[in-house]
Amino acid sequence: MRIVVIALLILIIASLGSALSFLVRDRGQGTRTARALAIRVGLSITLFLLLMAGFASGLIDSKL
């Protein structure tokens, strides 16, 4: 489970970086920036739902 969460976090950061790159390269005229940010939002929602399911099923233990 930990590897999946880390992989999703890396993908989220990569998508954010590519959106910045597209924004600078296209000077805000293309749709690639919006697409990269939409992918980032989708990955973030997926990560959130995965964490919620992990807590609900007991796969992730909250040790404080």
N, C-alpha and C. Protein backbone atom coordinates (compact mmCIF):
# COMPACT_ATOMS: atom_id res chain seq x y z
N MET A 1 0.83 -1.19 0.00
CA MET A 1 0.00 0.00 0.00
C MET A 1 0.87 1.25 0.00
N ARG A 2 1.97 1.20 0.74
CA ARG A 2 2.86 2.34 0.83
C ARG A 2 3.47 2.69 -0.52
N ILE A 3 3.82 1.67 -1.29
CA ILE A 3 4.43 1.90 -2.60
C ILE A 3 3.43 2.55 -3.55
N VAL A 4 2.17 2.14 -3.49
CA VAL A 4 1.14 2.73 -4.34
C VAL A 4 0.94 4.20 -4.00
N VAL A 5 0.92 4.53 -2.72
CA VAL A 5 0.73 5.92 -2.29
C VAL A 5 1.91 6.77 -2.75
N ILE A 6 3.13 6.27 -2.56
CA ILE A 6 4.31 7.01 -2.99
C ILE A 6 4.32 7.19 -4.50
N ALA A 7 3.94 6.15 -5.24
CA ALA A 7 3.90 6.25 -6.70
C ALA A 7 2.87 7.30 -7.15
N LEU A 8 1.72 7.33 -6.51
CA LEU A 8 0.71 8.33 -6.86
C LEU A 8 1.19 9.74 -6.52
N LEU A 9 1.87 9.90 -5.40
CA LEU A 9 2.41 11.21 -5.06
C LEU A 9 3.45 11.67 -6.08
N ILE A 10 4.29 10.76 -6.53
CA ILE A 10 5.29 11.10 -7.55
C ILE A 10 4.60 11.48 -8.86
N LEU A 11 3.56 10.74 -9.23
CA LEU A 11 2.82 11.08 -10.45
C LEU A 11 2.13 12.43 -10.34
N ILE A 12 1.61 12.76 -9.17
CA ILE A 12 0.96 14.05 -8.95
C ILE A 12 1.98 15.18 -9.12
N ILE A 13 3.15 15.02 -8.53
CA ILE A 13 4.19 16.05 -8.65
C ILE A 13 4.68 16.16 -10.09
N ALA A 14 4.82 15.03 -10.78
CA ALA A 14 5.24 15.06 -12.18
C ALA A 14 4.20 15.77 -13.06
N SER A 15 2.94 15.52 -12.80
CA SER A 15 1.88 16.18 -13.56
C SER A 15 1.88 17.69 -13.30
N LEU A 16 2.11 18.08 -12.07
CA LEU A 16 2.19 19.50 -11.74
C LEU A 16 3.39 20.15 -12.42
N GLY A 17 4.51 19.46 -12.45
CA GLY A 17 5.70 19.97 -13.14
C GLY A 17 5.49 20.10 -14.63
N SER A 18 4.81 19.12 -15.22
CA SER A 18 4.56 19.20 -16.66
C SER A 18 3.58 20.33 -16.97
N ALA A 19 2.62 20.58 -16.09
CA ALA A 19 1.71 21.70 -16.30
C ALA A 19 2.46 23.02 -16.27
N LEU A 20 3.41 23.15 -15.35
CA LEU A 20 4.23 24.36 -15.30
C LEU A 20 5.06 24.50 -16.57
N SER A 21 5.63 23.41 -17.02
CA SER A 21 6.41 23.43 -18.25
C SER A 21 5.56 23.83 -19.45
N PHE A 22 4.36 23.27 -19.55
CA PHE A 22 3.47 23.63 -20.66
C PHE A 22 3.04 25.08 -20.58
N LEU A 23 2.82 25.57 -19.37
CA LEU A 23 2.41 26.96 -19.19
C LEU A 23 3.49 27.92 -19.67
N VAL A 24 4.74 27.61 -19.32
CA VAL A 24 5.85 28.47 -19.74
C VAL A 24 6.09 28.34 -21.24
N ARG A 25 6.05 27.13 -21.76
CA ARG A 25 6.37 26.90 -23.16
C ARG A 25 5.28 27.44 -24.09
N ASP A 26 4.01 27.23 -23.75
CA ASP A 26 2.90 27.65 -24.61
C ASP A 26 2.43 29.08 -24.33
N ARG A 27 2.94 29.68 -23.28
CA ARG A 27 2.56 31.03 -22.85
C ARG A 27 1.05 31.16 -22.63
N GLY A 28 0.43 30.09 -22.11
CA GLY A 28 -0.98 30.12 -21.76
C GLY A 28 -1.94 30.02 -22.93
N GLN A 29 -1.45 29.70 -24.13
CA GLN A 29 -2.31 29.66 -25.31
C GLN A 29 -2.84 28.27 -25.63
N GLY A 30 -2.23 27.23 -25.10
CA GLY A 30 -2.65 25.87 -25.43
C GLY A 30 -3.56 25.27 -24.37
N THR A 31 -4.00 24.06 -24.65
CA THR A 31 -4.87 23.35 -23.71
C THR A 31 -4.10 22.28 -22.93
N ARG A 32 -2.80 22.16 -23.21
CA ARG A 32 -2.02 21.12 -22.53
C ARG A 32 -1.90 21.39 -21.03
N THR A 33 -1.82 22.65 -20.65
CA THR A 33 -1.73 22.99 -19.22
C THR A 33 -2.98 22.55 -18.48
N ALA A 34 -4.13 22.86 -19.05
CA ALA A 34 -5.40 22.48 -18.42
C ALA A 34 -5.54 20.96 -18.34
N ARG A 35 -5.10 20.27 -19.37
CA ARG A 35 -5.18 18.80 -19.37
C ARG A 35 -4.27 18.21 -18.30
N ALA A 36 -3.06 18.75 -18.16
CA ALA A 36 -2.13 18.25 -17.14
C ALA A 36 -2.67 18.52 -15.73
N LEU A 37 -3.28 19.67 -15.54
CA LEU A 37 -3.86 19.97 -14.23
C LEU A 37 -5.08 19.11 -13.94
N ALA A 38 -5.85 18.79 -14.98
CA ALA A 38 -7.00 17.90 -14.80
C ALA A 38 -6.53 16.50 -14.42
N ILE A 39 -5.45 16.06 -15.01
CA ILE A 39 -4.88 14.75 -14.66
C ILE A 39 -4.41 14.77 -13.21
N ARG A 40 -3.80 15.88 -12.78
CA ARG A 40 -3.35 16.00 -11.40
C ARG A 40 -4.51 15.94 -10.42
N VAL A 41 -5.60 16.60 -10.76
CA VAL A 41 -6.78 16.56 -9.89
C VAL A 41 -7.34 15.14 -9.83
N GLY A 42 -7.40 14.47 -10.95
CA GLY A 42 -7.88 13.09 -10.96
C GLY A 42 -7.00 12.16 -10.13
N LEU A 43 -5.68 12.34 -10.23
CA LEU A 43 -4.77 11.53 -9.42
C LEU A 43 -4.93 11.84 -7.93
N SER A 44 -5.14 13.10 -7.60
CA SER A 44 -5.32 13.48 -6.20
C SER A 44 -6.60 12.89 -5.63
N ILE A 45 -7.67 12.92 -6.40
CA ILE A 45 -8.93 12.32 -5.94
C ILE A 45 -8.78 10.82 -5.79
N THR A 46 -8.08 10.19 -6.73
CA THR A 46 -7.84 8.75 -6.64
C THR A 46 -7.04 8.42 -5.38
N LEU A 47 -6.01 9.19 -5.09
CA LEU A 47 -5.21 8.97 -3.89
C LEU A 47 -6.05 9.15 -2.64
N PHE A 48 -6.88 10.18 -2.60
CA PHE A 48 -7.73 10.42 -1.44
C PHE A 48 -8.69 9.24 -1.23
N LEU A 49 -9.34 8.78 -2.30
CA LEU A 49 -10.27 7.66 -2.18
C LEU A 49 -9.55 6.38 -1.77
N LEU A 50 -8.35 6.19 -2.29
CA LEU A 50 -7.56 5.01 -1.92
C LEU A 50 -7.19 5.04 -0.44
N LEU A 51 -6.81 6.21 0.06
CA LEU A 51 -6.49 6.33 1.49
C LEU A 51 -7.72 6.12 2.35
N MET A 52 -8.85 6.66 1.94
CA MET A 52 -10.09 6.47 2.70
C MET A 52 -10.47 4.99 2.73
N ALA A 53 -10.34 4.30 1.60
CA ALA A 53 -10.66 2.88 1.56
C ALA A 53 -9.68 2.08 2.41
N GLY A 54 -8.41 2.49 2.41
CA GLY A 54 -7.42 1.80 3.24
C GLY A 54 -7.70 1.94 4.72
N PHE A 55 -8.10 3.15 5.15
CA PHE A 55 -8.46 3.34 6.55
C PHE A 55 -9.73 2.57 6.92
N ALA A 56 -10.71 2.57 6.02
CA ALA A 56 -11.97 1.90 6.31
C ALA A 56 -11.80 0.39 6.39
N SER A 57 -10.94 -0.16 5.55
CA SER A 57 -10.77 -1.62 5.54
C SER A 57 -9.74 -2.08 6.56
N GLY A 58 -8.99 -1.18 7.15
CA GLY A 58 -8.01 -1.57 8.15
C GLY A 58 -6.63 -1.85 7.58
N LEU A 59 -6.44 -1.63 6.28
CA LEU A 59 -5.12 -1.84 5.69
C LEU A 59 -4.12 -0.78 6.17
N ILE A 60 -4.62 0.40 6.47
CA ILE A 60 -3.79 1.48 6.98
C ILE A 60 -4.19 1.71 8.43
N ASP A 61 -3.20 1.64 9.30
CA ASP A 61 -3.45 1.83 10.72
C ASP A 61 -3.00 3.23 11.12
N SER A 62 -3.83 3.93 11.85
CA SER A 62 -3.48 5.29 12.27
C SER A 62 -2.81 5.22 13.64
N LYS A 63 -1.48 5.25 13.61
CA LYS A 63 -0.70 5.21 14.85
C LYS A 63 -0.27 6.64 15.16
N LEU A 64 -0.76 7.16 16.25
CA LEU A 64 -0.39 8.53 16.63
C LEU A 64 0.67 8.51 17.63
